[in-house]
Amino acid sequence: MPGMHYRLTTLPTGLRVITEEMPGVRSVAVGCWIDTGTRDENANEAGASHFLEHLLFKG
């Protein structure tokens, strides 16, 4: 969309954060995309991704 300006910031931990300033808007929205999952777990970590999913979506 024309006029949309995004800023990509990489934190010291490697976490990438994309922000967009919207003048006149007094709220915030947050979206999280995590580039990992059960395919990346070894036997000692089995279930960690599923547990994180429950924490995020069920509280």
PDB file of N, CA and C in Angstrom:
ATOM      1  N   MET A   1       0.841  -1.172   0.000  1.00  0.00           N
ATOM      2  CA  MET A   1       0.000   0.000   0.000  1.00  0.00           C
ATOM      3  C   MET A   1       0.888   1.237   0.000  1.00  0.00           C
ATOM      4  N   PRO A   2       0.543   2.230  -0.759  1.00  0.00           N
ATOM      5  CA  PRO A   2       1.348   3.442  -0.804  1.00  0.00           C
ATOM      6  C   PRO A   2       1.361   4.152   0.544  1.00  0.00           C
ATOM      7  N   GLY A   3       2.499   4.710   0.877  1.00  0.00           N
ATOM      8  CA  GLY A   3       2.611   5.493   2.098  1.00  0.00           C
ATOM      9  C   GLY A   3       2.886   4.680   3.349  1.00  0.00           C
ATOM     10  N   MET A   4       2.960   3.353   3.239  1.00  0.00           N
ATOM     11  CA  MET A   4       3.230   2.525   4.409  1.00  0.00           C
ATOM     12  C   MET A   4       4.737   2.398   4.573  1.00  0.00           C
ATOM     13  N   HIS A   5       5.216   2.660   5.775  1.00  0.00           N
ATOM     14  CA  HIS A   5       6.648   2.613   6.047  1.00  0.00           C
ATOM     15  C   HIS A   5       6.898   1.658   7.206  1.00  0.00           C
ATOM     16  N   TYR A   6       7.712   0.657   6.951  1.00  0.00           N
ATOM     17  CA  TYR A   6       8.032  -0.335   7.957  1.00  0.00           C
ATOM     18  C   TYR A   6       9.480  -0.175   8.379  1.00  0.00           C
ATOM     19  N   ARG A   7       9.765  -0.567   9.623  1.00  0.00           N
ATOM     20  CA  ARG A   7      11.138  -0.545  10.121  1.00  0.00           C
ATOM     21  C   ARG A   7      11.464  -1.938  10.639  1.00  0.00           C
ATOM     22  N   LEU A   8      12.573  -2.496  10.183  1.00  0.00           N
ATOM     23  CA  LEU A   8      13.046  -3.790  10.657  1.00  0.00           C
ATOM     24  C   LEU A   8      14.184  -3.551  11.636  1.00  0.00           C
ATOM     25  N   THR A   9      14.030  -4.065  12.842  1.00  0.00           N
ATOM     26  CA  THR A   9      15.044  -3.943  13.881  1.00  0.00           C
ATOM     27  C   THR A   9      15.437  -5.344  14.317  1.00  0.00           C
ATOM     28  N   THR A  10      16.730  -5.608  14.418  1.00  0.00           N
ATOM     29  CA  THR A  10      17.204  -6.887  14.929  1.00  0.00           C
ATOM     30  C   THR A  10      17.782  -6.659  16.318  1.00  0.00           C
ATOM     31  N   LEU A  11      17.188  -7.318  17.308  1.00  0.00           N
ATOM     32  CA  LEU A  11      17.628  -7.182  18.695  1.00  0.00           C
ATOM     33  C   LEU A  11      18.915  -7.969  18.913  1.00  0.00           C
ATOM     34  N   PRO A  12      19.665  -7.674  19.994  1.00  0.00           N
ATOM     35  CA  PRO A  12      20.921  -8.387  20.260  1.00  0.00           C
ATOM     36  C   PRO A  12      20.751  -9.910  20.333  1.00  0.00           C
ATOM     37  N   THR A  13      19.565 -10.381  20.679  1.00  0.00           N
ATOM     38  CA  THR A  13      19.301 -11.822  20.754  1.00  0.00           C
ATOM     39  C   THR A  13      19.059 -12.443  19.389  1.00  0.00           C
ATOM     40  N   GLY A  14      18.968 -11.602  18.341  1.00  0.00           N
ATOM     41  CA  GLY A  14      18.696 -12.092  17.000  1.00  0.00           C
ATOM     42  C   GLY A  14      17.227 -12.012  16.624  1.00  0.00           C
ATOM     43  N   LEU A  15      16.374 -11.660  17.578  1.00  0.00           N
ATOM     44  CA  LEU A  15      14.944 -11.523  17.306  1.00  0.00           C
ATOM     45  C   LEU A  15      14.720 -10.348  16.371  1.00  0.00           C
ATOM     46  N   ARG A  16      13.981 -10.585  15.297  1.00  0.00           N
ATOM     47  CA  ARG A  16      13.673  -9.526  14.338  1.00  0.00           C
ATOM     48  C   ARG A  16      12.305  -8.946  14.663  1.00  0.00           C
ATOM     49  N   VAL A  17      12.226  -7.623  14.712  1.00  0.00           N
ATOM     50  CA  VAL A  17      10.986  -6.922  15.039  1.00  0.00           C
ATOM     51  C   VAL A  17      10.664  -5.974  13.892  1.00  0.00           C
ATOM     52  N   ILE A  18       9.459  -6.079  13.360  1.00  0.00           N
ATOM     53  CA  ILE A  18       9.007  -5.179  12.300  1.00  0.00           C
ATOM     54  C   ILE A  18       7.954  -4.262  12.897  1.00  0.00           C
ATOM     55  N   THR A  19       8.152  -2.960  12.734  1.00  0.00           N
ATOM     56  CA  THR A  19       7.206  -1.988  13.275  1.00  0.00           C
ATOM     57  C   THR A  19       6.710  -1.079  12.161  1.00  0.00           C
ATOM     58  N   GLU A  20       5.529  -0.550  12.386  1.00  0.00           N
ATOM     59  CA  GLU A  20       4.933   0.407  11.457  1.00  0.00           C
ATOM     60  C   GLU A  20       4.266   1.490  12.291  1.00  0.00           C
ATOM     61  N   GLU A  21       4.659   2.718  12.068  1.00  0.00           N
ATOM     62  CA  GLU A  21       4.027   3.835  12.760  1.00  0.00           C
ATOM     63  C   GLU A  21       2.806   4.273  11.969  1.00  0.00           C
ATOM     64  N   MET A  22       1.700   4.436  12.685  1.00  0.00           N
ATOM     65  CA  MET A  22       0.454   4.866  12.055  1.00  0.00           C
ATOM     66  C   MET A  22      -0.042   6.104  12.795  1.00  0.00           C
ATOM     67  N   PRO A  23       0.296   7.292  12.310  1.00  0.00           N
ATOM     68  CA  PRO A  23      -0.109   8.524  12.983  1.00  0.00           C
ATOM     69  C   PRO A  23      -1.625   8.564  13.192  1.00  0.00           C
ATOM     70  N   GLY A  24      -2.018   9.001  14.379  1.00  0.00           N
ATOM     71  CA  GLY A  24      -3.434   9.129  14.691  1.00  0.00           C
ATOM     72  C   GLY A  24      -4.055   7.871  15.269  1.00  0.00           C
ATOM     73  N   VAL A  25      -3.318   6.776  15.315  1.00  0.00           N
ATOM     74  CA  VAL A  25      -3.842   5.527  15.870  1.00  0.00           C
ATOM     75  C   VAL A  25      -3.308   5.371  17.287  1.00  0.00           C
ATOM     76  N   ARG A  26      -4.212   5.138  18.231  1.00  0.00           N
ATOM     77  CA  ARG A  26      -3.814   5.051  19.641  1.00  0.00           C
ATOM     78  C   ARG A  26      -3.915   3.623  20.170  1.00  0.00           C
ATOM     79  N   SER A  27      -3.551   2.679  19.364  1.00  0.00           N
ATOM     80  CA  SER A  27      -3.567   1.286  19.792  1.00  0.00           C
ATOM     81  C   SER A  27      -2.372   0.572  19.174  1.00  0.00           C
ATOM     82  N   VAL A  28      -2.212  -0.671  19.559  1.00  0.00           N
ATOM     83  CA  VAL A  28      -1.096  -1.459  19.048  1.00  0.00           C
ATOM     84  C   VAL A  28      -1.595  -2.869  18.730  1.00  0.00           C
ATOM     85  N   ALA A  29      -1.000  -3.481  17.745  1.00  0.00           N
ATOM     86  CA  ALA A  29      -1.276  -4.878  17.414  1.00  0.00           C
ATOM     87  C   ALA A  29       0.058  -5.611  17.362  1.00  0.00           C
ATOM     88  N   VAL A  30       0.062  -6.852  17.805  1.00  0.00           N
ATOM     89  CA  VAL A  30       1.285  -7.642  17.844  1.00  0.00           C
ATOM     90  C   VAL A  30       1.037  -8.975  17.150  1.00  0.00           C
ATOM     91  N   GLY A  31       1.944  -9.356  16.292  1.00  0.00           N
ATOM     92  CA  GLY A  31       1.898 -10.673  15.656  1.00  0.00           C
ATOM     93  C   GLY A  31       3.241 -11.350  15.858  1.00  0.00           C
ATOM     94  N   CYS A  32       3.240 -12.642  16.092  1.00  0.00           N
ATOM     95  CA  CYS A  32       4.479 -13.389  16.315  1.00  0.00           C
ATOM     96  C   CYS A  32       4.580 -14.527  15.316  1.00  0.00           C
ATOM     97  N   TRP A  33       5.712 -14.620  14.667  1.00  0.00           N
ATOM     98  CA  TRP A  33       6.006 -15.726  13.775  1.00  0.00           C
ATOM     99  C   TRP A  33       7.312 -16.326  14.257  1.00  0.00           C
ATOM    100  N   ILE A  34       7.282 -17.578  14.615  1.00  0.00           N
ATOM    101  CA  ILE A  34       8.461 -18.244  15.158  1.00  0.00           C
ATOM    102  C   ILE A  34       8.911 -19.290  14.148  1.00  0.00           C
ATOM    103  N   ASP A  35      10.136 -19.138  13.664  1.00  0.00           N
ATOM    104  CA  ASP A  35      10.655 -20.014  12.612  1.00  0.00           C
ATOM    105  C   ASP A  35      11.270 -21.277  13.217  1.00  0.00           C
ATOM    106  N   THR A  36      10.457 -22.012  13.943  1.00  0.00           N
ATOM    107  CA  THR A  36      10.881 -23.280  14.531  1.00  0.00           C
ATOM    108  C   THR A  36       9.640 -24.084  14.874  1.00  0.00           C
ATOM    109  N   GLY A  37       9.821 -25.285  15.254  1.00  0.00           N
ATOM    110  CA  GLY A  37       8.677 -26.118  15.609  1.00  0.00           C
ATOM    111  C   GLY A  37       9.131 -27.514  15.985  1.00  0.00           C
ATOM    112  N   THR A  38       8.190 -28.429  16.009  1.00  0.00           N
ATOM    113  CA  THR A  38       8.508 -29.793  16.433  1.00  0.00           C
ATOM    114  C   THR A  38       9.552 -30.445  15.536  1.00  0.00           C
ATOM    115  N   ARG A  39       9.632 -30.018  14.296  1.00  0.00           N
ATOM    116  CA  ARG A  39      10.632 -30.603  13.386  1.00  0.00           C
ATOM    117  C   ARG A  39      12.055 -30.314  13.853  1.00  0.00           C
ATOM    118  N   ASP A  40      12.224 -29.276  14.690  1.00  0.00           N
ATOM    119  CA  ASP A  40      13.546 -28.878  15.161  1.00  0.00           C
ATOM    120  C   ASP A  40      13.878 -29.424  16.547  1.00  0.00           C
ATOM    121  N   GLU A  41      12.947 -30.135  17.182  1.00  0.00           N
ATOM    122  CA  GLU A  41      13.170 -30.646  18.534  1.00  0.00           C
ATOM    123  C   GLU A  41      13.918 -31.976  18.495  1.00  0.00           C
ATOM    124  N   ASN A  42      14.818 -32.150  19.456  1.00  0.00           N
ATOM    125  CA  ASN A  42      15.444 -33.461  19.609  1.00  0.00           C
ATOM    126  C   ASN A  42      14.673 -34.230  20.691  1.00  0.00           C
ATOM    127  N   ALA A  43      15.088 -35.436  21.000  1.00  0.00           N
ATOM    128  CA  ALA A  43      14.348 -36.281  21.944  1.00  0.00           C
ATOM    129  C   ALA A  43      14.224 -35.642  23.328  1.00  0.00           C
ATOM    130  N   ASN A  44      15.228 -34.877  23.753  1.00  0.00           N
ATOM    131  CA  ASN A  44      15.185 -34.237  25.076  1.00  0.00           C
ATOM    132  C   ASN A  44      14.219 -33.062  25.125  1.00  0.00           C
ATOM    133  N   GLU A  45      13.861 -32.508  23.981  1.00  0.00           N
ATOM    134  CA  GLU A  45      12.987 -31.330  23.926  1.00  0.00           C
ATOM    135  C   GLU A  45      11.578 -31.673  23.458  1.00  0.00           C
ATOM    136  N   ALA A  46      11.289 -32.923  23.213  1.00  0.00           N
ATOM    137  CA  ALA A  46      10.005 -33.337  22.639  1.00  0.00           C
ATOM    138  C   ALA A  46       8.837 -32.748  23.418  1.00  0.00           C
ATOM    139  N   GLY A  47       7.962 -32.039  22.703  1.00  0.00           N
ATOM    140  CA  GLY A  47       6.780 -31.448  23.323  1.00  0.00           C
ATOM    141  C   GLY A  47       6.924 -29.978  23.668  1.00  0.00           C
ATOM    142  N   ALA A  48       8.125 -29.416  23.587  1.00  0.00           N
ATOM    143  CA  ALA A  48       8.335 -28.011  23.963  1.00  0.00           C
ATOM    144  C   ALA A  48       7.545 -27.072  23.059  1.00  0.00           C
ATOM    145  N   SER A  49       7.520 -27.327  21.775  1.00  0.00           N
ATOM    146  CA  SER A  49       6.775 -26.463  20.846  1.00  0.00           C
ATOM    147  C   SER A  49       5.281 -26.541  21.102  1.00  0.00           C
ATOM    148  N   HIS A  50       4.790 -27.736  21.379  1.00  0.00           N
ATOM    149  CA  HIS A  50       3.361 -27.905  21.650  1.00  0.00           C
ATOM    150  C   HIS A  50       2.982 -27.186  22.946  1.00  0.00           C
ATOM    151  N   PHE A  51       3.833 -27.269  23.955  1.00  0.00           N
ATOM    152  CA  PHE A  51       3.598 -26.571  25.222  1.00  0.00           C
ATOM    153  C   PHE A  51       3.573 -25.059  25.003  1.00  0.00           C
ATOM    154  N   LEU A  52       4.512 -24.535  24.228  1.00  0.00           N
ATOM    155  CA  LEU A  52       4.550 -23.106  23.923  1.00  0.00           C
ATOM    156  C   LEU A  52       3.280 -22.681  23.197  1.00  0.00           C
ATOM    157  N   GLU A  53       2.812 -23.498  22.281  1.00  0.00           N
ATOM    158  CA  GLU A  53       1.564 -23.211  21.568  1.00  0.00           C
ATOM    159  C   GLU A  53       0.407 -23.059  22.554  1.00  0.00           C
ATOM    160  N   HIS A  54       0.317 -23.951  23.522  1.00  0.00           N
ATOM    161  CA  HIS A  54      -0.765 -23.863  24.510  1.00  0.00           C
ATOM    162  C   HIS A  54      -0.628 -22.615  25.374  1.00  0.00           C
ATOM    163  N   LEU A  55       0.578 -22.251  25.732  1.00  0.00           N
ATOM    164  CA  LEU A  55       0.786 -21.032  26.525  1.00  0.00           C
ATOM    165  C   LEU A  55       0.321 -19.799  25.769  1.00  0.00           C
ATOM    166  N   LEU A  56       0.625 -19.741  24.479  1.00  0.00           N
ATOM    167  CA  LEU A  56       0.289 -18.568  23.681  1.00  0.00           C
ATOM    168  C   LEU A  56      -1.195 -18.469  23.362  1.00  0.00           C
ATOM    169  N   PHE A  57      -1.835 -19.588  23.073  1.00  0.00           N
ATOM    170  CA  PHE A  57      -3.208 -19.538  22.591  1.00  0.00           C
ATOM    171  C   PHE A  57      -4.261 -19.818  23.654  1.00  0.00           C
ATOM    172  N   LYS A  58      -3.879 -20.473  24.738  1.00  0.00           N
ATOM    173  CA  LYS A  58      -4.859 -20.790  25.772  1.00  0.00           C
ATOM    174  C   LYS A  58      -4.594 -20.055  27.077  1.00  0.00           C
ATOM    175  N   GLY A  59      -3.415 -19.445  27.193  1.00  0.00           N
ATOM    176  CA  GLY A  59      -3.092 -18.649  28.381  1.00  0.00           C
ATOM    177  C   GLY A  59      -2.613 -19.397  29.533  1.00  0.00           C
TER     178      GLY A  59
END
